[in-house]
N, C-alpha and C. Protein backbone atom coordinates (compact mmCIF):
# COMPACT_ATOMS: atom_id res chain seq x y z
N MET A 1 -26.96 -16.91 -16.74
CA MET A 1 -25.61 -17.38 -16.47
C MET A 1 -25.58 -18.88 -16.73
N SER A 2 -24.57 -19.33 -17.40
CA SER A 2 -24.48 -20.76 -17.70
C SER A 2 -24.11 -21.53 -16.45
N PRO A 3 -24.46 -22.84 -16.38
CA PRO A 3 -24.19 -23.61 -15.17
C PRO A 3 -22.69 -23.78 -14.88
N GLY A 4 -21.82 -23.63 -15.90
CA GLY A 4 -20.39 -23.82 -15.68
C GLY A 4 -19.68 -22.58 -15.17
N ILE A 5 -20.33 -21.44 -15.21
CA ILE A 5 -19.70 -20.19 -14.78
C ILE A 5 -20.42 -19.67 -13.54
N LYS A 6 -19.67 -19.44 -12.51
CA LYS A 6 -20.26 -18.93 -11.27
C LYS A 6 -19.64 -17.58 -10.96
N ALA A 7 -20.46 -16.65 -10.60
CA ALA A 7 -19.97 -15.32 -10.23
C ALA A 7 -19.53 -15.34 -8.77
N LEU A 8 -18.38 -14.79 -8.51
CA LEU A 8 -17.89 -14.69 -7.14
C LEU A 8 -18.21 -13.28 -6.64
N VAL A 9 -18.91 -13.20 -5.57
CA VAL A 9 -19.27 -11.91 -5.00
C VAL A 9 -18.55 -11.79 -3.66
N ARG A 10 -17.70 -10.77 -3.56
CA ARG A 10 -16.96 -10.58 -2.33
C ARG A 10 -17.87 -10.10 -1.21
N PHE A 11 -18.65 -9.08 -1.48
CA PHE A 11 -19.59 -8.54 -0.50
C PHE A 11 -20.97 -8.57 -1.12
N PRO A 12 -21.86 -9.41 -0.62
CA PRO A 12 -23.21 -9.43 -1.19
C PRO A 12 -23.95 -8.11 -0.95
N THR A 13 -23.60 -7.40 0.11
CA THR A 13 -24.18 -6.09 0.38
C THR A 13 -23.05 -5.10 0.60
N LEU A 14 -23.35 -3.84 0.50
CA LEU A 14 -22.33 -2.82 0.76
C LEU A 14 -21.98 -2.81 2.24
N PRO A 15 -20.71 -2.58 2.56
CA PRO A 15 -20.34 -2.54 3.97
C PRO A 15 -20.98 -1.33 4.66
N THR A 16 -21.21 -1.47 5.94
CA THR A 16 -21.77 -0.35 6.70
C THR A 16 -20.72 0.74 6.81
N PRO A 17 -21.13 1.97 7.10
CA PRO A 17 -20.14 3.05 7.25
C PRO A 17 -19.05 2.74 8.28
N ASN A 18 -19.41 2.07 9.36
CA ASN A 18 -18.40 1.72 10.38
C ASN A 18 -17.41 0.70 9.84
N GLU A 19 -17.89 -0.29 9.09
CA GLU A 19 -16.99 -1.29 8.50
C GLU A 19 -16.06 -0.63 7.48
N ALA A 20 -16.62 0.23 6.66
CA ALA A 20 -15.81 0.92 5.65
C ALA A 20 -14.76 1.81 6.31
N ALA A 21 -15.14 2.50 7.38
CA ALA A 21 -14.20 3.37 8.08
C ALA A 21 -13.08 2.55 8.72
N ALA A 22 -13.40 1.42 9.31
CA ALA A 22 -12.39 0.57 9.94
C ALA A 22 -11.43 0.02 8.88
N GLU A 23 -11.96 -0.38 7.74
CA GLU A 23 -11.12 -0.89 6.65
C GLU A 23 -10.18 0.20 6.14
N ARG A 24 -10.72 1.39 5.96
CA ARG A 24 -9.90 2.52 5.48
C ARG A 24 -8.82 2.88 6.49
N LYS A 25 -9.14 2.84 7.78
CA LYS A 25 -8.16 3.14 8.83
C LYS A 25 -7.01 2.15 8.77
N CYS A 26 -7.33 0.86 8.62
CA CYS A 26 -6.29 -0.17 8.53
C CYS A 26 -5.41 0.05 7.30
N ASP A 27 -6.03 0.39 6.18
CA ASP A 27 -5.27 0.65 4.96
C ASP A 27 -4.32 1.82 5.14
N LEU A 28 -4.81 2.90 5.75
CA LEU A 28 -3.97 4.08 5.96
C LEU A 28 -2.82 3.79 6.93
N THR A 29 -3.11 3.06 7.99
CA THR A 29 -2.07 2.72 8.96
C THR A 29 -0.98 1.88 8.31
N PHE A 30 -1.37 0.86 7.56
CA PHE A 30 -0.40 0.01 6.89
C PHE A 30 0.43 0.82 5.88
N GLY A 31 -0.24 1.67 5.11
CA GLY A 31 0.46 2.47 4.12
C GLY A 31 1.45 3.44 4.74
N ASN A 32 1.07 4.08 5.84
CA ASN A 32 1.97 5.02 6.51
C ASN A 32 3.17 4.31 7.11
N GLN A 33 2.94 3.16 7.72
CA GLN A 33 4.05 2.40 8.29
C GLN A 33 5.03 1.97 7.20
N THR A 34 4.50 1.51 6.08
CA THR A 34 5.34 1.08 4.97
C THR A 34 6.16 2.25 4.43
N PHE A 35 5.51 3.40 4.25
CA PHE A 35 6.20 4.56 3.71
C PHE A 35 7.31 5.03 4.65
N ARG A 36 7.05 5.02 5.96
CA ARG A 36 8.09 5.43 6.91
C ARG A 36 9.27 4.46 6.88
N ARG A 37 8.99 3.17 6.82
CA ARG A 37 10.09 2.19 6.76
C ARG A 37 10.92 2.36 5.49
N LEU A 38 10.25 2.61 4.38
CA LEU A 38 10.98 2.84 3.14
C LEU A 38 11.83 4.10 3.24
N GLY A 39 11.31 5.13 3.89
CA GLY A 39 12.07 6.37 4.08
C GLY A 39 13.33 6.13 4.90
N HIS A 40 13.23 5.33 5.96
CA HIS A 40 14.40 5.00 6.78
C HIS A 40 15.41 4.18 5.98
N ALA A 41 14.93 3.24 5.19
CA ALA A 41 15.83 2.43 4.36
C ALA A 41 16.54 3.32 3.33
N LEU A 42 15.82 4.26 2.75
CA LEU A 42 16.41 5.17 1.78
C LEU A 42 17.50 6.02 2.43
N GLU A 43 17.23 6.51 3.63
CA GLU A 43 18.22 7.32 4.35
C GLU A 43 19.46 6.48 4.69
N ALA A 44 19.28 5.24 5.10
CA ALA A 44 20.41 4.36 5.41
C ALA A 44 21.25 4.10 4.16
N ARG A 45 20.59 3.89 3.02
CA ARG A 45 21.33 3.68 1.77
C ARG A 45 22.12 4.93 1.38
N ARG A 46 21.51 6.11 1.60
CA ARG A 46 22.18 7.36 1.27
C ARG A 46 23.42 7.56 2.15
N LEU A 47 23.29 7.26 3.45
CA LEU A 47 24.42 7.43 4.36
C LEU A 47 25.55 6.44 4.04
N CYS A 48 25.19 5.19 3.72
CA CYS A 48 26.22 4.21 3.33
C CYS A 48 26.94 4.64 2.06
N ALA A 49 26.19 5.14 1.10
CA ALA A 49 26.80 5.60 -0.15
C ALA A 49 27.71 6.79 0.12
N GLU A 50 27.31 7.66 1.04
CA GLU A 50 28.14 8.82 1.38
C GLU A 50 29.44 8.38 2.04
N LEU A 51 29.37 7.39 2.93
CA LEU A 51 30.58 6.88 3.59
C LEU A 51 31.52 6.20 2.60
N LEU A 52 30.95 5.52 1.62
CA LEU A 52 31.77 4.80 0.63
C LEU A 52 32.08 5.64 -0.59
N ASP A 53 31.67 6.91 -0.57
CA ASP A 53 31.90 7.86 -1.66
C ASP A 53 31.32 7.34 -2.99
N LEU A 54 30.09 6.84 -2.92
CA LEU A 54 29.38 6.38 -4.10
C LEU A 54 28.24 7.34 -4.41
N SER A 55 27.85 7.36 -5.65
CA SER A 55 26.69 8.20 -5.98
C SER A 55 25.44 7.33 -5.92
N ARG A 56 24.42 7.84 -5.29
CA ARG A 56 23.17 7.09 -5.12
C ARG A 56 22.03 8.08 -5.29
N ASP A 57 21.12 7.78 -6.20
CA ASP A 57 19.97 8.65 -6.44
C ASP A 57 18.69 7.83 -6.37
N ASP A 58 18.46 7.23 -5.22
CA ASP A 58 17.25 6.43 -5.03
C ASP A 58 16.06 7.35 -4.78
N GLN A 59 14.89 6.92 -5.23
CA GLN A 59 13.67 7.67 -4.99
C GLN A 59 12.55 6.71 -4.64
N ILE A 60 11.60 7.19 -3.88
CA ILE A 60 10.42 6.40 -3.53
C ILE A 60 9.22 7.06 -4.18
N TYR A 61 8.44 6.27 -4.88
CA TYR A 61 7.21 6.78 -5.50
C TYR A 61 6.03 6.14 -4.81
N ARG A 62 5.06 6.94 -4.44
CA ARG A 62 3.84 6.42 -3.83
C ARG A 62 2.88 6.00 -4.93
N LEU A 63 2.48 4.76 -4.86
CA LEU A 63 1.47 4.23 -5.79
C LEU A 63 0.23 3.90 -4.97
N SER A 64 -0.89 4.14 -5.54
CA SER A 64 -2.14 3.92 -4.82
C SER A 64 -3.01 2.94 -5.62
N TYR A 65 -3.59 2.01 -4.90
CA TYR A 65 -4.52 1.08 -5.51
C TYR A 65 -5.82 1.15 -4.75
N ARG A 66 -6.85 1.58 -5.40
CA ARG A 66 -8.19 1.62 -4.82
C ARG A 66 -9.10 0.81 -5.73
N PRO A 67 -9.57 -0.33 -5.27
CA PRO A 67 -10.47 -1.12 -6.13
C PRO A 67 -11.75 -0.37 -6.42
N SER A 68 -12.24 -0.54 -7.62
CA SER A 68 -13.50 0.12 -7.99
C SER A 68 -14.66 -0.65 -7.37
N ARG A 69 -15.71 0.06 -7.08
CA ARG A 69 -16.88 -0.58 -6.47
C ARG A 69 -18.04 -0.50 -7.39
């Protein structure tokens, strides 16, 4: 490696199973909360459109990002 380029290492060692499980739990909790909030917002938009006699075809798509290891 040349002296001007330095490699950045996020985790010098693999996380322990407990650390990985805690990280995954936090990710799932955040994702579920976000999806529920989006669902409520979508329902509110649908009801407003219904009251105002507008057509609304909003959809929510789940996207997943899992960094490679």
